[in-house]
Amino acid sequence: MSVLSIFKKNYLASCGHRTKLHDKITAFGESTSTRLPIKDGHVAYCHQCIGKMAIKCAWCGHTIFIGDPITLYSSRDENFEVPEHAITYCEDPLQLVGCLRWNCADSSADRMGFWLPPGIVQRVQSAYAICMQDSKKGNPR
């Protein structure tokens, strides 16, 4: 079996659609290539369904695809109006899901999680929190 035949094989995903392991996803006019994970011989979602799980960044409007790192920012502007496309992570204080692009996020240290199926935030410790935790243990980085 060649490596190429693995990528050409169609799988029946749990969503009910047939899919390849590696394919292109397009959402909101932006595209990315992705490889679907196989768990216990099964694929959970097809590329079409994964594409439908994409959202727009609350701040710059660019696409956030499944697997992308995200930020959880709050606006400092008292007159800020939440865009219709924005995904709210927390109401109080208001935290919106944003991307980690160079032109949007303040820094890569602001990564607060990842956008995962079926369209949820998986929180992770920020780089700042990890550094603070290590410094308290006496492990400077």
N, C-alpha and C. Protein backbone atom coordinates (compact mmCIF):
# COMPACT_ATOMS: atom_id res chain seq x y z
N MET A 1 0.86 -1.17 0.00
CA MET A 1 0.00 0.00 0.00
C MET A 1 0.90 1.23 0.00
N SER A 2 0.66 2.15 -0.92
CA SER A 2 1.47 3.37 -0.99
C SER A 2 0.91 4.44 -0.07
N VAL A 3 1.74 5.41 0.24
CA VAL A 3 1.30 6.53 1.08
C VAL A 3 0.18 7.28 0.40
N LEU A 4 0.26 7.45 -0.91
CA LEU A 4 -0.79 8.18 -1.64
C LEU A 4 -2.13 7.48 -1.58
N SER A 5 -2.15 6.15 -1.55
CA SER A 5 -3.43 5.44 -1.51
C SER A 5 -4.16 5.68 -0.20
N ILE A 6 -3.44 5.96 0.87
CA ILE A 6 -4.07 6.26 2.16
C ILE A 6 -4.89 7.54 2.05
N PHE A 7 -4.34 8.54 1.35
CA PHE A 7 -5.03 9.82 1.23
C PHE A 7 -6.18 9.78 0.23
N LYS A 8 -6.16 8.83 -0.70
CA LYS A 8 -7.22 8.73 -1.71
C LYS A 8 -8.39 7.90 -1.22
N LYS A 9 -8.19 7.06 -0.21
CA LYS A 9 -9.24 6.20 0.30
C LYS A 9 -10.37 7.03 0.91
N ASN A 10 -11.59 6.60 0.67
CA ASN A 10 -12.74 7.26 1.26
C ASN A 10 -13.14 6.53 2.53
N TYR A 11 -13.51 7.28 3.55
CA TYR A 11 -13.97 6.75 4.82
C TYR A 11 -15.40 7.20 5.04
N LEU A 12 -16.19 6.38 5.70
CA LEU A 12 -17.52 6.79 6.11
C LEU A 12 -17.38 7.41 7.49
N ALA A 13 -17.57 8.70 7.55
CA ALA A 13 -17.44 9.41 8.82
C ALA A 13 -18.68 9.19 9.69
N SER A 14 -18.55 9.40 10.96
CA SER A 14 -19.67 9.23 11.89
C SER A 14 -20.81 10.20 11.60
N CYS A 15 -20.50 11.30 10.91
CA CYS A 15 -21.54 12.26 10.53
C CYS A 15 -22.42 11.72 9.41
N GLY A 16 -21.99 10.59 8.79
CA GLY A 16 -22.78 9.96 7.75
C GLY A 16 -22.30 10.25 6.33
N HIS A 17 -21.29 11.09 6.18
CA HIS A 17 -20.76 11.43 4.86
C HIS A 17 -19.47 10.68 4.58
N ARG A 18 -19.20 10.46 3.30
CA ARG A 18 -17.94 9.86 2.88
C ARG A 18 -16.91 10.97 2.75
N THR A 19 -15.66 10.67 3.15
CA THR A 19 -14.62 11.68 3.15
C THR A 19 -13.25 11.06 2.93
N LYS A 20 -12.33 11.87 2.46
CA LYS A 20 -10.93 11.48 2.38
C LYS A 20 -10.28 11.89 3.69
N LEU A 21 -9.08 11.38 3.95
CA LEU A 21 -8.38 11.79 5.17
C LEU A 21 -7.80 13.19 5.04
N HIS A 22 -7.33 13.52 3.85
CA HIS A 22 -6.69 14.83 3.63
C HIS A 22 -7.45 15.55 2.53
N ASP A 23 -7.90 16.77 2.80
CA ASP A 23 -8.65 17.52 1.80
C ASP A 23 -8.64 19.00 2.16
N LYS A 24 -9.18 19.79 1.27
CA LYS A 24 -9.26 21.24 1.43
C LYS A 24 -10.62 21.61 2.02
N ILE A 25 -10.61 22.58 2.93
CA ILE A 25 -11.83 23.09 3.53
C ILE A 25 -11.93 24.57 3.18
N THR A 26 -13.12 25.00 2.80
CA THR A 26 -13.34 26.41 2.51
C THR A 26 -14.52 26.90 3.35
N ALA A 27 -14.33 28.06 3.98
CA ALA A 27 -15.40 28.69 4.77
C ALA A 27 -15.19 30.19 4.74
N PHE A 28 -16.25 30.93 4.53
CA PHE A 28 -16.21 32.39 4.53
C PHE A 28 -15.16 32.93 3.54
N GLY A 29 -14.98 32.23 2.42
CA GLY A 29 -14.05 32.69 1.40
C GLY A 29 -12.59 32.40 1.67
N GLU A 30 -12.28 31.71 2.75
CA GLU A 30 -10.90 31.34 3.07
C GLU A 30 -10.78 29.82 3.04
N SER A 31 -9.60 29.33 2.70
CA SER A 31 -9.38 27.88 2.59
C SER A 31 -8.18 27.43 3.41
N THR A 32 -8.22 26.18 3.78
CA THR A 32 -7.10 25.53 4.45
C THR A 32 -7.12 24.06 4.09
N SER A 33 -6.00 23.41 4.23
CA SER A 33 -5.89 21.97 4.03
C SER A 33 -5.85 21.32 5.39
N THR A 34 -6.51 20.20 5.52
CA THR A 34 -6.51 19.54 6.82
C THR A 34 -6.52 18.03 6.66
N ARG A 35 -6.00 17.37 7.65
CA ARG A 35 -6.01 15.91 7.71
C ARG A 35 -6.87 15.50 8.90
N LEU A 36 -7.80 14.63 8.65
CA LEU A 36 -8.71 14.18 9.69
C LEU A 36 -8.08 13.08 10.53
N PRO A 37 -8.27 13.12 11.83
CA PRO A 37 -7.73 12.06 12.69
C PRO A 37 -8.58 10.79 12.60
N ILE A 38 -7.92 9.66 12.66
CA ILE A 38 -8.61 8.36 12.72
C ILE A 38 -8.50 7.87 14.16
N LYS A 39 -9.63 7.58 14.77
CA LYS A 39 -9.63 7.06 16.14
C LYS A 39 -10.38 5.73 16.13
N ASP A 40 -9.71 4.69 16.56
CA ASP A 40 -10.28 3.34 16.56
C ASP A 40 -10.82 2.95 15.19
N GLY A 41 -10.12 3.37 14.14
CA GLY A 41 -10.51 3.03 12.77
C GLY A 41 -11.64 3.86 12.20
N HIS A 42 -12.09 4.87 12.94
CA HIS A 42 -13.21 5.70 12.49
C HIS A 42 -12.81 7.16 12.38
N VAL A 43 -13.51 7.86 11.49
CA VAL A 43 -13.36 9.30 11.32
C VAL A 43 -14.66 9.93 11.83
N ALA A 44 -14.56 10.91 12.71
CA ALA A 44 -15.76 11.49 13.33
C ALA A 44 -16.55 12.38 12.36
N TYR A 45 -15.87 13.25 11.64
CA TYR A 45 -16.55 14.20 10.77
C TYR A 45 -15.89 14.24 9.41
N CYS A 46 -16.66 14.52 8.37
CA CYS A 46 -16.12 14.71 7.04
C CYS A 46 -15.61 16.15 6.91
N HIS A 47 -14.88 16.42 5.84
CA HIS A 47 -14.35 17.76 5.63
C HIS A 47 -15.47 18.80 5.44
N GLN A 48 -16.55 18.39 4.82
CA GLN A 48 -17.68 19.31 4.61
C GLN A 48 -18.27 19.75 5.96
N CYS A 49 -18.46 18.81 6.86
CA CYS A 49 -19.01 19.14 8.19
C CYS A 49 -18.00 19.94 9.01
N ILE A 50 -16.71 19.61 8.89
CA ILE A 50 -15.67 20.37 9.60
C ILE A 50 -15.68 21.82 9.09
N GLY A 51 -15.85 22.00 7.79
CA GLY A 51 -15.93 23.35 7.22
C GLY A 51 -17.10 24.14 7.78
N LYS A 52 -18.21 23.48 8.03
CA LYS A 52 -19.39 24.16 8.58
C LYS A 52 -19.19 24.57 10.04
N MET A 53 -18.18 24.01 10.69
CA MET A 53 -17.89 24.35 12.09
C MET A 53 -16.99 25.57 12.22
N ALA A 54 -16.49 26.07 11.08
CA ALA A 54 -15.63 27.26 11.11
C ALA A 54 -16.44 28.47 11.54
N ILE A 55 -15.76 29.40 12.18
CA ILE A 55 -16.39 30.65 12.64
C ILE A 55 -15.53 31.82 12.19
N LYS A 56 -16.04 33.02 12.42
CA LYS A 56 -15.26 34.23 12.12
C LYS A 56 -14.72 34.81 13.43
N CYS A 57 -13.51 35.35 13.34
CA CYS A 57 -12.91 36.03 14.49
C CYS A 57 -13.79 37.23 14.86
N ALA A 58 -14.04 37.39 16.14
CA ALA A 58 -14.87 38.50 16.62
C ALA A 58 -14.24 39.85 16.33
N TRP A 59 -12.92 39.90 16.19
CA TRP A 59 -12.21 41.17 16.09
C TRP A 59 -11.84 41.55 14.67
N CYS A 60 -11.31 40.60 13.88
CA CYS A 60 -10.87 40.94 12.52
C CYS A 60 -11.77 40.34 11.44
N GLY A 61 -12.61 39.38 11.80
CA GLY A 61 -13.54 38.78 10.85
C GLY A 61 -12.96 37.65 10.01
N HIS A 62 -11.66 37.34 10.17
CA HIS A 62 -11.09 36.23 9.41
C HIS A 62 -11.59 34.90 9.96
N THR A 63 -11.45 33.87 9.15
CA THR A 63 -11.97 32.55 9.50
C THR A 63 -11.11 31.85 10.55
N ILE A 64 -11.78 31.23 11.49
CA ILE A 64 -11.15 30.35 12.48
C ILE A 64 -11.65 28.94 12.16
N PHE A 65 -10.72 28.08 11.73
CA PHE A 65 -11.06 26.71 11.39
C PHE A 65 -10.89 25.80 12.59
N ILE A 66 -11.51 24.64 12.52
CA ILE A 66 -11.33 23.62 13.55
C ILE A 66 -9.84 23.34 13.70
N GLY A 67 -9.37 23.32 14.95
CA GLY A 67 -7.96 23.07 15.24
C GLY A 67 -7.13 24.33 15.39
N ASP A 68 -7.67 25.48 14.99
CA ASP A 68 -6.92 26.73 15.10
C ASP A 68 -6.82 27.19 16.55
N PRO A 69 -5.70 27.82 16.92
CA PRO A 69 -5.58 28.42 18.25
C PRO A 69 -6.48 29.66 18.32
N ILE A 70 -6.96 29.95 19.50
CA ILE A 70 -7.88 31.10 19.67
C ILE A 70 -7.46 31.97 20.85
N THR A 71 -7.97 33.18 20.83
CA THR A 71 -7.84 34.11 21.96
C THR A 71 -9.22 34.29 22.57
N LEU A 72 -9.27 34.80 23.77
CA LEU A 72 -10.53 35.14 24.44
C LEU A 72 -10.38 36.55 24.99
N TYR A 73 -10.65 37.51 24.14
CA TYR A 73 -10.47 38.91 24.52
C TYR A 73 -11.80 39.54 24.95
N SER A 74 -11.66 40.60 25.74
CA SER A 74 -12.78 41.45 26.12
C SER A 74 -12.49 42.85 25.60
N SER A 75 -13.51 43.54 25.16
CA SER A 75 -13.31 44.89 24.66
C SER A 75 -13.14 45.86 25.82
N ARG A 76 -12.27 46.84 25.63
CA ARG A 76 -12.08 47.90 26.63
C ARG A 76 -12.93 49.11 26.30
N ASP A 77 -13.53 49.12 25.12
CA ASP A 77 -14.34 50.23 24.63
C ASP A 77 -15.75 50.13 25.21
N GLU A 78 -16.17 51.15 25.93
CA GLU A 78 -17.51 51.15 26.54
C GLU A 78 -18.61 51.12 25.49
N ASN A 79 -18.35 51.63 24.29
CA ASN A 79 -19.35 51.70 23.23
C ASN A 79 -19.24 50.53 22.25
N PHE A 80 -18.47 49.51 22.60
CA PHE A 80 -18.26 48.36 21.72
C PHE A 80 -19.57 47.62 21.48
N GLU A 81 -19.83 47.33 20.20
CA GLU A 81 -21.00 46.53 19.83
C GLU A 81 -20.50 45.19 19.31
N VAL A 82 -21.01 44.12 19.87
CA VAL A 82 -20.59 42.78 19.48
C VAL A 82 -21.05 42.51 18.05
N PRO A 83 -20.11 42.15 17.16
CA PRO A 83 -20.50 41.83 15.79
C PRO A 83 -21.45 40.62 15.75
N GLU A 84 -22.32 40.58 14.75
CA GLU A 84 -23.29 39.48 14.64
C GLU A 84 -22.60 38.13 14.53
N HIS A 85 -21.44 38.08 13.88
CA HIS A 85 -20.75 36.81 13.66
C HIS A 85 -19.95 36.34 14.88
N ALA A 86 -19.81 37.18 15.89
CA ALA A 86 -18.96 36.86 17.04
C ALA A 86 -19.52 35.69 17.85
N ILE A 87 -18.60 34.87 18.36
CA ILE A 87 -18.95 33.77 19.25
C ILE A 87 -18.56 34.18 20.67
N THR A 88 -19.52 34.15 21.57
CA THR A 88 -19.28 34.52 22.96
C THR A 88 -18.84 33.29 23.73
N TYR A 89 -17.71 33.42 24.43
CA TYR A 89 -17.24 32.34 25.29
C TYR A 89 -17.81 32.50 26.70
N CYS A 90 -17.83 33.74 27.19
CA CYS A 90 -18.29 34.03 28.54
C CYS A 90 -19.07 35.35 28.51
N GLU A 91 -20.17 35.41 29.25
CA GLU A 91 -20.99 36.61 29.29
C GLU A 91 -20.48 37.65 30.29
N ASP A 92 -19.99 37.18 31.46
CA ASP A 92 -19.59 38.10 32.51
C ASP A 92 -18.26 37.68 33.12
N PRO A 93 -17.16 38.31 32.75
CA PRO A 93 -17.07 39.41 31.80
C PRO A 93 -17.18 38.88 30.37
N LEU A 94 -17.63 39.74 29.47
CA LEU A 94 -17.82 39.36 28.08
C LEU A 94 -16.48 38.99 27.45
N GLN A 95 -16.35 37.75 27.01
CA GLN A 95 -15.15 37.27 26.31
C GLN A 95 -15.59 36.69 24.98
N LEU A 96 -14.96 37.19 23.90
CA LEU A 96 -15.29 36.75 22.56
C LEU A 96 -14.16 35.93 21.97
N VAL A 97 -14.51 34.95 21.14
CA VAL A 97 -13.53 34.09 20.50
C VAL A 97 -12.89 34.83 19.34
N GLY A 98 -11.55 34.92 19.40
CA GLY A 98 -10.80 35.59 18.35
C GLY A 98 -9.68 34.71 17.84
N CYS A 99 -9.06 35.17 16.74
CA CYS A 99 -7.97 34.40 16.14
C CYS A 99 -6.63 34.83 16.73
N LEU A 100 -5.60 34.11 16.34
CA LEU A 100 -4.26 34.39 16.84
C LEU A 100 -3.36 34.92 15.71
N ARG A 101 -3.98 35.53 14.68
CA ARG A 101 -3.20 36.07 13.57
C ARG A 101 -2.35 37.25 14.04
N TRP A 102 -1.23 37.45 13.32
CA TRP A 102 -0.30 38.54 13.66
C TRP A 102 -0.98 39.90 13.68
N ASN A 103 -1.91 40.13 12.76
CA ASN A 103 -2.55 41.44 12.65
C ASN A 103 -3.76 41.59 13.57
N CYS A 104 -4.02 40.58 14.38
CA CYS A 104 -5.21 40.63 15.23
C CYS A 104 -4.87 40.50 16.71
N ALA A 105 -4.21 39.42 17.08
CA ALA A 105 -3.89 39.18 18.50
C ALA A 105 -2.75 40.08 18.96
N ASP A 106 -2.79 40.45 20.24
CA ASP A 106 -1.71 41.27 20.80
C ASP A 106 -0.39 40.52 20.79
N SER A 107 -0.42 39.23 21.12
CA SER A 107 0.79 38.41 21.08
C SER A 107 0.38 36.94 21.06
N SER A 108 1.33 36.08 20.68
CA SER A 108 1.03 34.64 20.68
C SER A 108 0.87 34.11 22.10
N ALA A 109 1.34 34.85 23.07
CA ALA A 109 1.17 34.45 24.47
C ALA A 109 -0.29 34.55 24.91
N ASP A 110 -1.13 35.17 24.08
CA ASP A 110 -2.55 35.32 24.41
C ASP A 110 -3.39 34.10 24.02
N ARG A 111 -2.73 33.06 23.51
CA ARG A 111 -3.47 31.86 23.14
C ARG A 111 -4.13 31.28 24.39
N MET A 112 -5.44 31.13 24.32
CA MET A 112 -6.19 30.64 25.47
C MET A 112 -6.83 29.28 25.21
N GLY A 113 -6.69 28.77 23.98
CA GLY A 113 -7.29 27.49 23.67
C GLY A 113 -7.30 27.22 22.18
N PHE A 114 -8.17 26.27 21.81
CA PHE A 114 -8.30 25.86 20.41
C PHE A 114 -9.77 25.72 20.07
N TRP A 115 -10.11 25.94 18.79
CA TRP A 115 -11.47 25.77 18.30
C TRP A 115 -11.59 24.32 17.82
N LEU A 116 -12.42 23.52 18.49
CA LEU A 116 -12.52 22.09 18.22
C LEU A 116 -13.96 21.67 17.91
N PRO A 117 -14.12 20.47 17.29
CA PRO A 117 -15.46 19.96 17.00
C PRO A 117 -16.23 19.74 18.29
N PRO A 118 -17.50 19.93 18.29
CA PRO A 118 -18.36 20.31 17.18
C PRO A 118 -18.51 21.82 17.02
N GLY A 119 -17.55 22.57 17.51
CA GLY A 119 -17.61 24.03 17.48
C GLY A 119 -17.59 24.56 18.90
N ILE A 120 -16.54 24.17 19.64
CA ILE A 120 -16.39 24.58 21.04
C ILE A 120 -14.96 25.03 21.30
N VAL A 121 -14.78 25.77 22.37
CA VAL A 121 -13.45 26.19 22.80
C VAL A 121 -12.91 25.14 23.76
N GLN A 122 -11.70 24.65 23.47
CA GLN A 122 -10.99 23.82 24.44
C GLN A 122 -9.95 24.72 25.07
N ARG A 123 -10.13 25.03 26.34
CA ARG A 123 -9.21 25.92 27.05
C ARG A 123 -7.89 25.21 27.33
N VAL A 124 -6.81 25.99 27.26
CA VAL A 124 -5.49 25.54 27.68
C VAL A 124 -4.88 26.68 28.48
N GLN A 125 -3.85 26.37 29.23
CA GLN A 125 -3.17 27.42 29.97
C GLN A 125 -2.46 28.35 28.99
N SER A 126 -2.49 29.63 29.28
CA SER A 126 -1.76 30.59 28.45
C SER A 126 -0.27 30.42 28.70
N ALA A 127 0.53 30.91 27.76
CA ALA A 127 1.99 30.86 27.91
C ALA A 127 2.41 31.61 29.17
N TYR A 128 1.74 32.71 29.45
CA TYR A 128 2.05 33.51 30.64
C TYR A 128 1.78 32.71 31.92
N ALA A 129 0.65 32.01 31.96
CA ALA A 129 0.31 31.21 33.15
C ALA A 129 1.31 30.08 33.35
N ILE A 130 1.74 29.46 32.26
CA ILE A 130 2.73 28.38 32.36
C ILE A 130 4.05 28.91 32.90
N CYS A 131 4.48 30.07 32.41
CA CYS A 131 5.73 30.68 32.90
C CYS A 131 5.63 31.03 34.37
N MET A 132 4.51 31.59 34.78
CA MET A 132 4.31 31.97 36.18
C MET A 132 4.33 30.72 37.07
N GLN A 133 3.70 29.66 36.60
CA GLN A 133 3.67 28.42 37.36
C GLN A 133 5.09 27.86 37.51
N ASP A 134 5.85 27.88 36.42
CA ASP A 134 7.22 27.37 36.47
C ASP A 134 8.10 28.22 37.37
N SER A 135 7.91 29.54 37.33
CA SER A 135 8.77 30.41 38.15
C SER A 135 8.48 30.20 39.64
N LYS A 136 7.23 29.88 39.98
CA LYS A 136 6.89 29.61 41.38
C LYS A 136 7.53 28.30 41.86
N LYS A 137 7.76 27.37 40.90
CA LYS A 137 8.39 26.10 41.24
C LYS A 137 9.90 26.20 41.21
N GLY A 138 10.42 27.35 40.81
CA GLY A 138 11.87 27.53 40.71
C GLY A 138 12.46 27.01 39.43
N ASN A 139 11.62 26.87 38.40
CA ASN A 139 12.08 26.42 37.08
C ASN A 139 12.01 27.56 36.08
N PRO A 140 12.99 28.47 36.08
CA PRO A 140 12.92 29.56 35.12
C PRO A 140 13.06 29.04 33.70
N ARG A 141 12.38 29.69 32.79
CA ARG A 141 12.45 29.30 31.37
C ARG A 141 13.37 30.19 30.64
